[in-house]
């Protein structure tokens, strides 16, 4: 699915051209590291979808990509159904209040985000 790149200052959600097209995104999604409030691992990220898709793509039991709008804020979603993932709560981000992502590397991402000494500079997750 998506590639997650983490450095000392931000998390980049690198989307393929097809993913950008389906998610209605012009480029990759950048999240400042200090806006990440909480990360939760999940076996089925699709259960965390909230609100309505606007804009984006949703094929039931296959894929969900794009922005989901709800009363709690906008979520960026990039999931393949049936695969493990992460839910990342954001505080103070200009565009999103939460990220819901499919990734096999959720545990590694969680560990890298909790490093305070900066040893994870330019870590690809």
PDB file of N, CA and C in Angstrom:
ATOM      1  N   UNK A   1       0.848  -1.183   0.000  1.00  0.00           N
ATOM      2  CA  UNK A   1       0.000   0.000   0.000  1.00  0.00           C
ATOM      3  C   UNK A   1       0.883   1.231   0.000  1.00  0.00           C
ATOM      4  N   UNK A   2       0.835   2.028   1.008  1.00  0.00           N
ATOM      5  CA  UNK A   2       1.615   3.256   1.071  1.00  0.00           C
ATOM      6  C   UNK A   2       2.967   2.991   1.726  1.00  0.00           C
ATOM      7  N   UNK A   3       3.903   3.881   1.455  1.00  0.00           N
ATOM      8  CA  UNK A   3       5.203   3.826   2.092  1.00  0.00           C
ATOM      9  C   UNK A   3       5.254   4.937   3.129  1.00  0.00           C
ATOM     10  N   UNK A   4       5.678   4.592   4.331  1.00  0.00           N
ATOM     11  CA  UNK A   4       5.790   5.570   5.400  1.00  0.00           C
ATOM     12  C   UNK A   4       7.261   5.891   5.615  1.00  0.00           C
ATOM     13  N   UNK A   5       7.597   7.184   5.580  1.00  0.00           N
ATOM     14  CA  UNK A   5       8.963   7.640   5.800  1.00  0.00           C
ATOM     15  C   UNK A   5       8.971   8.553   7.015  1.00  0.00           C
ATOM     16  N   UNK A   6       9.850   8.267   7.960  1.00  0.00           N
ATOM     17  CA  UNK A   6       9.897   9.030   9.196  1.00  0.00           C
ATOM     18  C   UNK A   6      11.290   9.605   9.380  1.00  0.00           C
ATOM     19  N   UNK A   7      11.368  10.906   9.633  1.00  0.00           N
ATOM     20  CA  UNK A   7      12.642  11.515  10.020  1.00  0.00           C
ATOM     21  C   UNK A   7      12.443  12.253  11.327  1.00  0.00           C
ATOM     22  N   UNK A   8      13.394  13.083  11.727  1.00  0.00           N
ATOM     23  CA  UNK A   8      13.318  13.730  13.036  1.00  0.00           C
ATOM     24  C   UNK A   8      12.186  14.734  13.142  1.00  0.00           C
ATOM     25  N   UNK A   9      11.729  15.288  12.015  1.00  0.00           N
ATOM     26  CA  UNK A   9      10.736  16.353  12.107  1.00  0.00           C
ATOM     27  C   UNK A   9       9.359  15.999  11.553  1.00  0.00           C
ATOM     28  N   UNK A  10       9.262  14.979  10.698  1.00  0.00           N
ATOM     29  CA  UNK A  10       7.940  14.713  10.111  1.00  0.00           C
ATOM     30  C   UNK A  10       7.795  13.277   9.618  1.00  0.00           C
ATOM     31  N   UNK A  11       6.537  12.917   9.415  1.00  0.00           N
ATOM     32  CA  UNK A  11       6.147  11.635   8.853  1.00  0.00           C
ATOM     33  C   UNK A  11       5.609  11.908   7.456  1.00  0.00           C
ATOM     34  N   UNK A  12       6.129  11.191   6.472  1.00  0.00           N
ATOM     35  CA  UNK A  12       5.647  11.335   5.100  1.00  0.00           C
ATOM     36  C   UNK A  12       4.914  10.069   4.702  1.00  0.00           C
ATOM     37  N   UNK A  13       3.716  10.244   4.178  1.00  0.00           N
ATOM     38  CA  UNK A  13       2.952   9.136   3.622  1.00  0.00           C
ATOM     39  C   UNK A  13       3.128   9.237   2.112  1.00  0.00           C
ATOM     40  N   UNK A  14       4.012   8.401   1.577  1.00  0.00           N
ATOM     41  CA  UNK A  14       4.347   8.441   0.151  1.00  0.00           C
ATOM     42  C   UNK A  14       3.341   7.587  -0.616  1.00  0.00           C
ATOM     43  N   UNK A  15       2.616   8.224  -1.505  1.00  0.00           N
ATOM     44  CA  UNK A  15       1.586   7.559  -2.295  1.00  0.00           C
ATOM     45  C   UNK A  15       2.079   7.345  -3.717  1.00  0.00           C
ATOM     46  N   UNK A  16       1.704   6.209  -4.300  1.00  0.00           N
ATOM     47  CA  UNK A  16       1.993   5.987  -5.711  1.00  0.00           C
ATOM     48  C   UNK A  16       1.097   6.905  -6.541  1.00  0.00           C
ATOM     49  N   UNK A  17       1.374   6.996  -7.804  1.00  0.00           N
ATOM     50  CA  UNK A  17       0.553   7.838  -8.680  1.00  0.00           C
ATOM     51  C   UNK A  17      -0.914   7.384  -8.657  1.00  0.00           C
ATOM     52  N   UNK A  18      -1.140   6.095  -8.697  1.00  0.00           N
ATOM     53  CA  UNK A  18      -2.502   5.558  -8.663  1.00  0.00           C
ATOM     54  C   UNK A  18      -3.179   5.878  -7.337  1.00  0.00           C
ATOM     55  N   UNK A  19      -2.440   5.726  -6.229  1.00  0.00           N
ATOM     56  CA  UNK A  19      -3.009   6.044  -4.920  1.00  0.00           C
ATOM     57  C   UNK A  19      -3.356   7.524  -4.816  1.00  0.00           C
ATOM     58  N   UNK A  20      -2.486   8.392  -5.332  1.00  0.00           N
ATOM     59  CA  UNK A  20      -2.795   9.829  -5.320  1.00  0.00           C
ATOM     60  C   UNK A  20      -4.057  10.113  -6.112  1.00  0.00           C
ATOM     61  N   UNK A  21      -4.206   9.467  -7.254  1.00  0.00           N
ATOM     62  CA  UNK A  21      -5.390   9.653  -8.091  1.00  0.00           C
ATOM     63  C   UNK A  21      -6.657   9.189  -7.357  1.00  0.00           C
ATOM     64  N   UNK A  22      -6.608   8.009  -6.741  1.00  0.00           N
ATOM     65  CA  UNK A  22      -7.772   7.469  -6.034  1.00  0.00           C
ATOM     66  C   UNK A  22      -8.091   8.250  -4.761  1.00  0.00           C
ATOM     67  N   UNK A  23      -7.059   8.835  -4.129  1.00  0.00           N
ATOM     68  CA  UNK A  23      -7.260   9.596  -2.896  1.00  0.00           C
ATOM     69  C   UNK A  23      -7.550  11.069  -3.166  1.00  0.00           C
ATOM     70  N   UNK A  24      -7.480  11.478  -4.432  1.00  0.00           N
ATOM     71  CA  UNK A  24      -7.666  12.876  -4.809  1.00  0.00           C
ATOM     72  C   UNK A  24      -6.641  13.771  -4.102  1.00  0.00           C
ATOM     73  N   UNK A  25      -5.395  13.308  -4.048  1.00  0.00           N
ATOM     74  CA  UNK A  25      -4.288  14.047  -3.446  1.00  0.00           C
ATOM     75  C   UNK A  25      -3.322  14.469  -4.548  1.00  0.00           C
ATOM     76  N   UNK A  26      -2.831  15.690  -4.483  1.00  0.00           N
ATOM     77  CA  UNK A  26      -1.871  16.163  -5.484  1.00  0.00           C
ATOM     78  C   UNK A  26      -0.479  15.608  -5.261  1.00  0.00           C
ATOM     79  N   UNK A  27      -0.175  15.262  -4.048  1.00  0.00           N
ATOM     80  CA  UNK A  27       1.160  14.760  -3.715  1.00  0.00           C
ATOM     81  C   UNK A  27       1.105  13.902  -2.466  1.00  0.00           C
ATOM     82  N   UNK A  28       2.268  13.685  -1.887  1.00  0.00           N
ATOM     83  CA  UNK A  28       2.353  12.914  -0.658  1.00  0.00           C
ATOM     84  C   UNK A  28       1.768  13.713   0.497  1.00  0.00           C
ATOM     85  N   UNK A  29       1.433  13.022   1.568  1.00  0.00           N
ATOM     86  CA  UNK A  29       0.891  13.652   2.766  1.00  0.00           C
ATOM     87  C   UNK A  29       2.031  13.789   3.771  1.00  0.00           C
ATOM     88  N   UNK A  30       2.235  15.001   4.272  1.00  0.00           N
ATOM     89  CA  UNK A  30       3.291  15.301   5.239  1.00  0.00           C
ATOM     90  C   UNK A  30       2.646  15.652   6.575  1.00  0.00           C
ATOM     91  N   UNK A  31       3.118  15.047   7.636  1.00  0.00           N
ATOM     92  CA  UNK A  31       2.618  15.312   8.980  1.00  0.00           C
ATOM     93  C   UNK A  31       3.814  15.672   9.860  1.00  0.00           C
ATOM     94  N   UNK A  32       3.736  16.822  10.511  1.00  0.00           N
ATOM     95  CA  UNK A  32       4.799  17.210  11.435  1.00  0.00           C
ATOM     96  C   UNK A  32       4.783  16.263  12.628  1.00  0.00           C
ATOM     97  N   UNK A  33       5.957  15.823  13.021  1.00  0.00           N
ATOM     98  CA  UNK A  33       6.072  14.823  14.086  1.00  0.00           C
ATOM     99  C   UNK A  33       5.475  15.302  15.408  1.00  0.00           C
ATOM    100  N   UNK A  34       5.592  16.600  15.704  1.00  0.00           N
ATOM    101  CA  UNK A  34       5.076  17.088  16.986  1.00  0.00           C
ATOM    102  C   UNK A  34       3.553  17.090  17.044  1.00  0.00           C
ATOM    103  N   UNK A  35       2.868  16.942  15.908  1.00  0.00           N
ATOM    104  CA  UNK A  35       1.405  16.891  15.930  1.00  0.00           C
ATOM    105  C   UNK A  35       0.878  15.481  16.210  1.00  0.00           C
ATOM    106  N   UNK A  36       1.747  14.483  16.227  1.00  0.00           N
ATOM    107  CA  UNK A  36       1.327  13.104  16.485  1.00  0.00           C
ATOM    108  C   UNK A  36       1.114  12.931  17.981  1.00  0.00           C
ATOM    109  N   UNK A  37      -0.139  12.729  18.365  1.00  0.00           N
ATOM    110  CA  UNK A  37      -0.501  12.620  19.776  1.00  0.00           C
ATOM    111  C   UNK A  37      -0.534  11.173  20.258  1.00  0.00           C
ATOM    112  N   UNK A  38      -0.986  10.260  19.391  1.00  0.00           N
ATOM    113  CA  UNK A  38      -1.164   8.877  19.813  1.00  0.00           C
ATOM    114  C   UNK A  38      -1.160   7.971  18.602  1.00  0.00           C
ATOM    115  N   UNK A  39      -0.645   6.758  18.764  1.00  0.00           N
ATOM    116  CA  UNK A  39      -0.644   5.752  17.709  1.00  0.00           C
ATOM    117  C   UNK A  39      -1.207   4.470  18.293  1.00  0.00           C
ATOM    118  N   UNK A  40      -2.141   3.872  17.559  1.00  0.00           N
ATOM    119  CA  UNK A  40      -2.736   2.616  18.000  1.00  0.00           C
ATOM    120  C   UNK A  40      -2.635   1.589  16.886  1.00  0.00           C
ATOM    121  N   UNK A  41      -2.158   0.395  17.219  1.00  0.00           N
ATOM    122  CA  UNK A  41      -2.091  -0.702  16.251  1.00  0.00           C
ATOM    123  C   UNK A  41      -3.471  -1.346  16.148  1.00  0.00           C
ATOM    124  N   UNK A  42      -3.807  -1.814  14.949  1.00  0.00           N
ATOM    125  CA  UNK A  42      -5.105  -2.466  14.746  1.00  0.00           C
ATOM    126  C   UNK A  42      -4.971  -3.573  13.710  1.00  0.00           C
ATOM    127  N   UNK A  43      -5.734  -4.635  13.889  1.00  0.00           N
ATOM    128  CA  UNK A  43      -5.737  -5.728  12.913  1.00  0.00           C
ATOM    129  C   UNK A  43      -6.605  -5.406  11.705  1.00  0.00           C
ATOM    130  N   UNK A  44      -7.589  -4.525  11.878  1.00  0.00           N
ATOM    131  CA  UNK A  44      -8.491  -4.166  10.785  1.00  0.00           C
ATOM    132  C   UNK A  44      -8.759  -2.664  10.817  1.00  0.00           C
ATOM    133  N   UNK A  45      -7.938  -1.875  10.095  1.00  0.00           N
ATOM    134  CA  UNK A  45      -8.116  -0.425  10.115  1.00  0.00           C
ATOM    135  C   UNK A  45      -9.473   0.049   9.584  1.00  0.00           C
ATOM    136  N   UNK A  46     -10.148  -0.744   8.767  1.00  0.00           N
ATOM    137  CA  UNK A  46     -11.433  -0.323   8.203  1.00  0.00           C
ATOM    138  C   UNK A  46     -12.487  -0.099   9.284  1.00  0.00           C
ATOM    139  N   UNK A  47     -12.346  -0.745  10.432  1.00  0.00           N
ATOM    140  CA  UNK A  47     -13.310  -0.548  11.518  1.00  0.00           C
ATOM    141  C   UNK A  47     -13.173   0.845  12.129  1.00  0.00           C
ATOM    142  N   UNK A  48     -12.106   1.561  11.820  1.00  0.00           N
ATOM    143  CA  UNK A  48     -11.869   2.893  12.362  1.00  0.00           C
ATOM    144  C   UNK A  48     -12.374   4.003  11.445  1.00  0.00           C
ATOM    145  N   UNK A  49     -12.961   3.657  10.308  1.00  0.00           N
ATOM    146  CA  UNK A  49     -13.504   4.684   9.421  1.00  0.00           C
ATOM    147  C   UNK A  49     -14.660   5.399  10.105  1.00  0.00           C
ATOM    148  N   UNK A  50     -14.683   6.730   9.982  1.00  0.00           N
ATOM    149  CA  UNK A  50     -15.781   7.511  10.560  1.00  0.00           C
ATOM    150  C   UNK A  50     -16.128   8.627   9.588  1.00  0.00           C
ATOM    151  N   UNK A  51     -17.374   9.013   9.573  1.00  0.00           N
ATOM    152  CA  UNK A  51     -17.807  10.098   8.705  1.00  0.00           C
ATOM    153  C   UNK A  51     -18.081   9.635   7.284  1.00  0.00           C
ATOM    154  N   UNK A  52     -17.982  10.596   6.362  1.00  0.00           N
ATOM    155  CA  UNK A  52     -18.254  10.325   4.952  1.00  0.00           C
ATOM    156  C   UNK A  52     -17.027  10.616   4.104  1.00  0.00           C
ATOM    157  N   UNK A  53     -16.893   9.877   3.046  1.00  0.00           N
ATOM    158  CA  UNK A  53     -15.781  10.030   2.119  1.00  0.00           C
ATOM    159  C   UNK A  53     -15.991  11.300   1.304  1.00  0.00           C
ATOM    160  N   UNK A  54     -14.990  12.195   1.337  1.00  0.00           N
ATOM    161  CA  UNK A  54     -15.150  13.437   0.584  1.00  0.00           C
ATOM    162  C   UNK A  54     -13.833  14.199   0.524  1.00  0.00           C
ATOM    163  N   UNK A  55     -13.075  14.119  -0.484  1.00  0.00           N
ATOM    164  CA  UNK A  55     -13.121  13.215  -1.630  1.00  0.00           C
ATOM    165  C   UNK A  55     -12.273  11.964  -1.376  1.00  0.00           C
ATOM    166  N   UNK A  56     -12.479  10.971  -2.181  1.00  0.00           N
ATOM    167  CA  UNK A  56     -11.715   9.741  -2.058  1.00  0.00           C
ATOM    168  C   UNK A  56     -12.396   8.589  -2.759  1.00  0.00           C
ATOM    169  N   UNK A  57     -11.861   7.399  -2.527  1.00  0.00           N
ATOM    170  CA  UNK A  57     -12.366   6.186  -3.163  1.00  0.00           C
ATOM    171  C   UNK A  57     -12.597   5.136  -2.089  1.00  0.00           C
ATOM    172  N   UNK A  58     -13.727   4.463  -2.186  1.00  0.00           N
ATOM    173  CA  UNK A  58     -14.037   3.373  -1.265  1.00  0.00           C
ATOM    174  C   UNK A  58     -14.643   2.230  -2.060  1.00  0.00           C
ATOM    175  N   UNK A  59     -13.930   1.102  -2.083  1.00  0.00           N
ATOM    176  CA  UNK A  59     -14.446  -0.125  -2.681  1.00  0.00           C
ATOM    177  C   UNK A  59     -14.604  -1.100  -1.519  1.00  0.00           C
ATOM    178  N   UNK A  60     -15.844  -1.405  -1.117  1.00  0.00           N
ATOM    179  CA  UNK A  60     -16.067  -2.237   0.062  1.00  0.00           C
ATOM    180  C   UNK A  60     -15.254  -3.527   0.047  1.00  0.00           C
ATOM    181  N   UNK A  61     -14.639  -3.808   1.196  1.00  0.00           N
ATOM    182  CA  UNK A  61     -13.812  -4.995   1.420  1.00  0.00           C
ATOM    183  C   UNK A  61     -12.570  -5.054   0.547  1.00  0.00           C
ATOM    184  N   UNK A  62     -12.211  -3.950  -0.112  1.00  0.00           N
ATOM    185  CA  UNK A  62     -11.015  -3.943  -0.954  1.00  0.00           C
ATOM    186  C   UNK A  62     -10.067  -2.822  -0.543  1.00  0.00           C
ATOM    187  N   UNK A  63     -10.492  -1.572  -0.763  1.00  0.00           N
ATOM    188  CA  UNK A  63      -9.599  -0.444  -0.532  1.00  0.00           C
ATOM    189  C   UNK A  63     -10.390   0.811  -0.151  1.00  0.00           C
ATOM    190  N   UNK A  64      -9.784   1.647   0.684  1.00  0.00           N
ATOM    191  CA  UNK A  64     -10.331   2.966   1.022  1.00  0.00           C
ATOM    192  C   UNK A  64      -9.168   3.952   0.996  1.00  0.00           C
ATOM    193  N   UNK A  65      -9.302   5.003   0.202  1.00  0.00           N
ATOM    194  CA  UNK A  65      -8.259   6.024   0.048  1.00  0.00           C
ATOM    195  C   UNK A  65      -8.893   7.392   0.003  1.00  0.00           C
ATOM    196  N   UNK A  66      -8.319   8.346   0.731  1.00  0.00           N
ATOM    197  CA  UNK A  66      -8.792   9.715   0.625  1.00  0.00           C
ATOM    198  C   UNK A  66      -9.103  10.332   1.968  1.00  0.00           C
ATOM    199  N   UNK A  67      -9.970  11.332   1.935  1.00  0.00           N
ATOM    200  CA  UNK A  67     -10.356  12.084   3.122  1.00  0.00           C
ATOM    201  C   UNK A  67     -11.753  11.670   3.566  1.00  0.00           C
ATOM    202  N   UNK A  68     -11.887  11.397   4.853  1.00  0.00           N
ATOM    203  CA  UNK A  68     -13.189  11.114   5.450  1.00  0.00           C
ATOM    204  C   UNK A  68     -13.498  12.272   6.383  1.00  0.00           C
ATOM    205  N   UNK A  69     -14.656  12.906   6.199  1.00  0.00           N
ATOM    206  CA  UNK A  69     -15.046  14.063   7.005  1.00  0.00           C
ATOM    207  C   UNK A  69     -16.085  13.644   8.047  1.00  0.00           C
ATOM    208  N   UNK A  70     -15.876  14.126   9.280  1.00  0.00           N
ATOM    209  CA  UNK A  70     -16.821  13.833  10.357  1.00  0.00           C
ATOM    210  C   UNK A  70     -16.855  15.031  11.298  1.00  0.00           C
ATOM    211  N   UNK A  71     -17.732  14.971  12.286  1.00  0.00           N
ATOM    212  CA  UNK A  71     -17.825  16.051  13.271  1.00  0.00           C
ATOM    213  C   UNK A  71     -16.547  16.166  14.099  1.00  0.00           C
ATOM    214  N   UNK A  72     -15.784  15.087  14.206  1.00  0.00           N
ATOM    215  CA  UNK A  72     -14.537  15.102  14.963  1.00  0.00           C
ATOM    216  C   UNK A  72     -13.363  15.669  14.156  1.00  0.00           C
ATOM    217  N   UNK A  73     -13.543  15.901  12.859  1.00  0.00           N
ATOM    218  CA  UNK A  73     -12.482  16.422  12.004  1.00  0.00           C
ATOM    219  C   UNK A  73     -12.273  15.551  10.787  1.00  0.00           C
ATOM    220  N   UNK A  74     -11.310  15.926   9.977  1.00  0.00           N
ATOM    221  CA  UNK A  74     -11.011  15.178   8.760  1.00  0.00           C
ATOM    222  C   UNK A  74      -9.958  14.108   9.042  1.00  0.00           C
ATOM    223  N   UNK A  75     -10.180  12.916   8.480  1.00  0.00           N
ATOM    224  CA  UNK A  75      -9.225  11.818   8.592  1.00  0.00           C
ATOM    225  C   UNK A  75      -8.639  11.546   7.214  1.00  0.00           C
ATOM    226  N   UNK A  76      -7.320  11.279   7.157  1.00  0.00           N
ATOM    227  CA  UNK A  76      -6.745  10.785   5.912  1.00  0.00           C
ATOM    228  C   UNK A  76      -6.683   9.276   6.032  1.00  0.00           C
ATOM    229  N   UNK A  77      -7.220   8.587   5.027  1.00  0.00           N
ATOM    230  CA  UNK A  77      -7.345   7.135   5.047  1.00  0.00           C
ATOM    231  C   UNK A  77      -6.609   6.544   3.848  1.00  0.00           C
ATOM    232  N   UNK A  78      -5.775   5.538   4.110  1.00  0.00           N
ATOM    233  CA  UNK A  78      -5.101   4.780   3.054  1.00  0.00           C
ATOM    234  C   UNK A  78      -5.007   3.337   3.531  1.00  0.00           C
ATOM    235  N   UNK A  79      -6.074   2.569   3.275  1.00  0.00           N
ATOM    236  CA  UNK A  79      -6.110   1.200   3.777  1.00  0.00           C
ATOM    237  C   UNK A  79      -6.518   0.201   2.704  1.00  0.00           C
ATOM    238  N   UNK A  80      -5.950  -0.976   2.839  1.00  0.00           N
ATOM    239  CA  UNK A  80      -6.422  -2.161   2.123  1.00  0.00           C
ATOM    240  C   UNK A  80      -7.100  -3.017   3.173  1.00  0.00           C
ATOM    241  N   UNK A  81      -8.334  -3.323   2.932  1.00  0.00           N
ATOM    242  CA  UNK A  81      -9.141  -4.044   3.918  1.00  0.00           C
ATOM    243  C   UNK A  81      -8.556  -5.437   4.165  1.00  0.00           C
ATOM    244  N   UNK A  82      -8.637  -5.869   5.412  1.00  0.00           N
ATOM    245  CA  UNK A  82      -8.135  -7.182   5.786  1.00  0.00           C
ATOM    246  C   UNK A  82      -6.658  -7.203   6.123  1.00  0.00           C
ATOM    247  N   UNK A  83      -5.981  -6.061   6.102  1.00  0.00           N
ATOM    248  CA  UNK A  83      -4.562  -5.986   6.446  1.00  0.00           C
ATOM    249  C   UNK A  83      -4.387  -5.179   7.728  1.00  0.00           C
ATOM    250  N   UNK A  84      -3.346  -5.486   8.494  1.00  0.00           N
ATOM    251  CA  UNK A  84      -3.122  -4.727   9.735  1.00  0.00           C
ATOM    252  C   UNK A  84      -2.723  -3.288   9.438  1.00  0.00           C
ATOM    253  N   UNK A  85      -2.846  -2.452  10.457  1.00  0.00           N
ATOM    254  CA  UNK A  85      -2.511  -1.055  10.242  1.00  0.00           C
ATOM    255  C   UNK A  85      -2.364  -0.286  11.531  1.00  0.00           C
ATOM    256  N   UNK A  86      -2.404   1.035  11.393  1.00  0.00           N
ATOM    257  CA  UNK A  86      -2.275   1.941  12.531  1.00  0.00           C
ATOM    258  C   UNK A  86      -3.316   3.042  12.425  1.00  0.00           C
ATOM    259  N   UNK A  87      -3.687   3.557  13.591  1.00  0.00           N
ATOM    260  CA  UNK A  87      -4.531   4.738  13.686  1.00  0.00           C
ATOM    261  C   UNK A  87      -3.709   5.764  14.446  1.00  0.00           C
ATOM    262  N   UNK A  88      -3.457   6.907  13.819  1.00  0.00           N
ATOM    263  CA  UNK A  88      -2.620   7.943  14.411  1.00  0.00           C
ATOM    264  C   UNK A  88      -3.484   9.171  14.673  1.00  0.00           C
ATOM    265  N   UNK A  89      -3.629   9.526  15.949  1.00  0.00           N
ATOM    266  CA  UNK A  89      -4.369  10.730  16.331  1.00  0.00           C
ATOM    267  C   UNK A  89      -3.427  11.919  16.266  1.00  0.00           C
ATOM    268  N   UNK A  90      -3.917  13.017  15.684  1.00  0.00           N
ATOM    269  CA  UNK A  90      -3.114  14.228  15.519  1.00  0.00           C
ATOM    270  C   UNK A  90      -3.719  15.364  16.326  1.00  0.00           C
ATOM    271  N   UNK A  91      -2.860  16.226  16.828  1.00  0.00           N
ATOM    272  CA  UNK A  91      -3.307  17.436  17.521  1.00  0.00           C
ATOM    273  C   UNK A  91      -2.550  18.619  16.934  1.00  0.00           C
ATOM    274  N   UNK A  92      -3.298  19.567  16.383  1.00  0.00           N
ATOM    275  CA  UNK A  92      -2.675  20.774  15.860  1.00  0.00           C
ATOM    276  C   UNK A  92      -2.277  20.707  14.395  1.00  0.00           C
ATOM    277  N   UNK A  93      -2.627  19.634  13.684  1.00  0.00           N
ATOM    278  CA  UNK A  93      -2.329  19.560  12.256  1.00  0.00           C
ATOM    279  C   UNK A  93      -3.327  20.423  11.492  1.00  0.00           C
ATOM    280  N   UNK A  94      -2.853  21.106  10.465  1.00  0.00           N
ATOM    281  CA  UNK A  94      -3.702  22.033   9.715  1.00  0.00           C
ATOM    282  C   UNK A  94      -4.753  21.327   8.864  1.00  0.00           C
ATOM    283  N   UNK A  95      -4.518  20.075   8.480  1.00  0.00           N
ATOM    284  CA  UNK A  95      -5.423  19.410   7.543  1.00  0.00           C
ATOM    285  C   UNK A  95      -6.206  18.243   8.134  1.00  0.00           C
ATOM    286  N   UNK A  96      -5.582  17.440   8.977  1.00  0.00           N
ATOM    287  CA  UNK A  96      -6.210  16.202   9.434  1.00  0.00           C
ATOM    288  C   UNK A  96      -6.193  16.096  10.957  1.00  0.00           C
ATOM    289  N   UNK A  97      -7.204  15.398  11.483  1.00  0.00           N
ATOM    290  CA  UNK A  97      -7.234  15.116  12.918  1.00  0.00           C
ATOM    291  C   UNK A  97      -6.804  13.684  13.209  1.00  0.00           C
ATOM    292  N   UNK A  98      -6.769  12.844  12.154  1.00  0.00           N
ATOM    293  CA  UNK A  98      -6.403  11.448  12.351  1.00  0.00           C
ATOM    294  C   UNK A  98      -5.947  10.845  11.037  1.00  0.00           C
ATOM    295  N   UNK A  99      -5.050   9.854  11.126  1.00  0.00           N
ATOM    296  CA  UNK A  99      -4.622   9.064   9.979  1.00  0.00           C
ATOM    297  C   UNK A  99      -5.015   7.617  10.244  1.00  0.00           C
ATOM    298  N   UNK A 100      -5.577   6.960   9.241  1.00  0.00           N
ATOM    299  CA  UNK A 100      -5.906   5.541   9.337  1.00  0.00           C
ATOM    300  C   UNK A 100      -5.193   4.872   8.162  1.00  0.00           C
ATOM    301  N   UNK A 101      -4.174   4.048   8.467  1.00  0.00           N
ATOM    302  CA  UNK A 101      -3.284   3.529   7.428  1.00  0.00           C
ATOM    303  C   UNK A 101      -3.086   2.026   7.554  1.00  0.00           C
ATOM    304  N   UNK A 102      -2.982   1.345   6.429  1.00  0.00           N
ATOM    305  CA  UNK A 102      -2.560  -0.053   6.409  1.00  0.00           C
ATOM    306  C   UNK A 102      -1.040  -0.073   6.329  1.00  0.00           C
ATOM    307  N   UNK A 103      -0.429  -0.855   7.193  1.00  0.00           N
ATOM    308  CA  UNK A 103       1.015  -1.038   7.141  1.00  0.00           C
ATOM    309  C   UNK A 103       1.393  -2.294   7.900  1.00  0.00           C
ATOM    310  N   UNK A 104       2.385  -2.985   7.399  1.00  0.00           N
ATOM    311  CA  UNK A 104       2.915  -4.156   8.088  1.00  0.00           C
ATOM    312  C   UNK A 104       3.903  -3.744   9.171  1.00  0.00           C
ATOM    313  N   UNK A 105       4.310  -2.485   9.131  1.00  0.00           N
ATOM    314  CA  UNK A 105       5.375  -2.001   9.999  1.00  0.00           C
ATOM    315  C   UNK A 105       4.861  -1.114  11.129  1.00  0.00           C
ATOM    316  N   UNK A 106       3.663  -1.369  11.597  1.00  0.00           N
ATOM    317  CA  UNK A 106       3.068  -0.554  12.645  1.00  0.00           C
ATOM    318  C   UNK A 106       3.867  -0.560  13.932  1.00  0.00           C
ATOM    319  N   UNK A 107       4.355  -1.735  14.350  1.00  0.00           N
ATOM    320  CA  UNK A 107       5.128  -1.826  15.581  1.00  0.00           C
ATOM    321  C   UNK A 107       6.441  -1.051  15.451  1.00  0.00           C
ATOM    322  N   UNK A 108       7.108  -1.166  14.324  1.00  0.00           N
ATOM    323  CA  UNK A 108       8.355  -0.429  14.101  1.00  0.00           C
ATOM    324  C   UNK A 108       8.094   1.076  14.091  1.00  0.00           C
ATOM    325  N   UNK A 109       6.991   1.489  13.510  1.00  0.00           N
ATOM    326  CA  UNK A 109       6.631   2.906  13.499  1.00  0.00           C
ATOM    327  C   UNK A 109       6.373   3.404  14.917  1.00  0.00           C
ATOM    328  N   UNK A 110       5.650   2.623  15.700  1.00  0.00           N
ATOM    329  CA  UNK A 110       5.369   3.007  17.078  1.00  0.00           C
ATOM    330  C   UNK A 110       6.662   3.158  17.870  1.00  0.00           C
ATOM    331  N   UNK A 111       7.587   2.219  17.705  1.00  0.00           N
ATOM    332  CA  UNK A 111       8.868   2.301  18.407  1.00  0.00           C
ATOM    333  C   UNK A 111       9.671   3.514  17.944  1.00  0.00           C
ATOM    334  N   UNK A 112       9.696   3.777  16.653  1.00  0.00           N
ATOM    335  CA  UNK A 112      10.459   4.911  16.117  1.00  0.00           C
ATOM    336  C   UNK A 112       9.883   6.246  16.577  1.00  0.00           C
ATOM    337  N   UNK A 113       8.586   6.340  16.698  1.00  0.00           N
ATOM    338  CA  UNK A 113       7.969   7.591  17.133  1.00  0.00           C
ATOM    339  C   UNK A 113       8.248   7.895  18.597  1.00  0.00           C
ATOM    340  N   UNK A 114       8.553   6.883  19.387  1.00  0.00           N
ATOM    341  CA  UNK A 114       8.816   7.104  20.808  1.00  0.00           C
ATOM    342  C   UNK A 114      10.278   7.358  21.113  1.00  0.00           C
ATOM    343  N   UNK A 115      11.137   7.404  20.093  1.00  0.00           N
ATOM    344  CA  UNK A 115      12.542   7.715  20.314  1.00  0.00           C
ATOM    345  C   UNK A 115      12.696   9.202  20.573  1.00  0.00           C
ATOM    346  N   UNK A 116      13.306   9.550  21.675  1.00  0.00           N
ATOM    347  CA  UNK A 116      13.515  10.951  22.024  1.00  0.00           C
ATOM    348  C   UNK A 116      14.922  11.429  21.712  1.00  0.00           C
ATOM    349  N   UNK A 117      15.837  10.510  21.426  1.00  0.00           N
ATOM    350  CA  UNK A 117      17.222  10.900  21.233  1.00  0.00           C
ATOM    351  C   UNK A 117      17.576  11.192  19.788  1.00  0.00           C
ATOM    352  N   UNK A 118      16.626  11.026  18.846  1.00  0.00           N
ATOM    353  CA  UNK A 118      16.881  11.376  17.453  1.00  0.00           C
ATOM    354  C   UNK A 118      17.654  10.336  16.677  1.00  0.00           C
ATOM    355  N   UNK A 119      17.812   9.105  17.199  1.00  0.00           N
ATOM    356  CA  UNK A 119      18.563   8.072  16.492  1.00  0.00           C
ATOM    357  C   UNK A 119      17.855   7.564  15.258  1.00  0.00           C
ATOM    358  N   UNK A 120      16.574   7.853  15.093  1.00  0.00           N
ATOM    359  CA  UNK A 120      15.790   7.330  13.976  1.00  0.00           C
ATOM    360  C   UNK A 120      15.735   8.301  12.810  1.00  0.00           C
ATOM    361  N   UNK A 121      16.739   9.118  12.650  1.00  0.00           N
ATOM    362  CA  UNK A 121      16.748  10.069  11.550  1.00  0.00           C
ATOM    363  C   UNK A 121      16.719   9.341  10.221  1.00  0.00           C
ATOM    364  N   UNK A 122      15.817   9.754   9.367  1.00  0.00           N
ATOM    365  CA  UNK A 122      15.668   9.186   8.031  1.00  0.00           C
ATOM    366  C   UNK A 122      15.398   7.695   8.036  1.00  0.00           C
ATOM    367  N   UNK A 123      14.641   7.214   8.981  1.00  0.00           N
ATOM    368  CA  UNK A 123      14.273   5.802   9.031  1.00  0.00           C
ATOM    369  C   UNK A 123      13.118   5.549   8.085  1.00  0.00           C
ATOM    370  N   UNK A 124      13.257   4.528   7.245  1.00  0.00           N
ATOM    371  CA  UNK A 124      12.143   4.153   6.361  1.00  0.00           C
ATOM    372  C   UNK A 124      11.391   3.041   7.048  1.00  0.00           C
ATOM    373  N   UNK A 125      10.096   3.240   7.179  1.00  0.00           N
ATOM    374  CA  UNK A 125       9.256   2.269   7.882  1.00  0.00           C
ATOM    375  C   UNK A 125       8.402   1.548   6.890  1.00  0.00           C
TER     376      UNK A 125
END
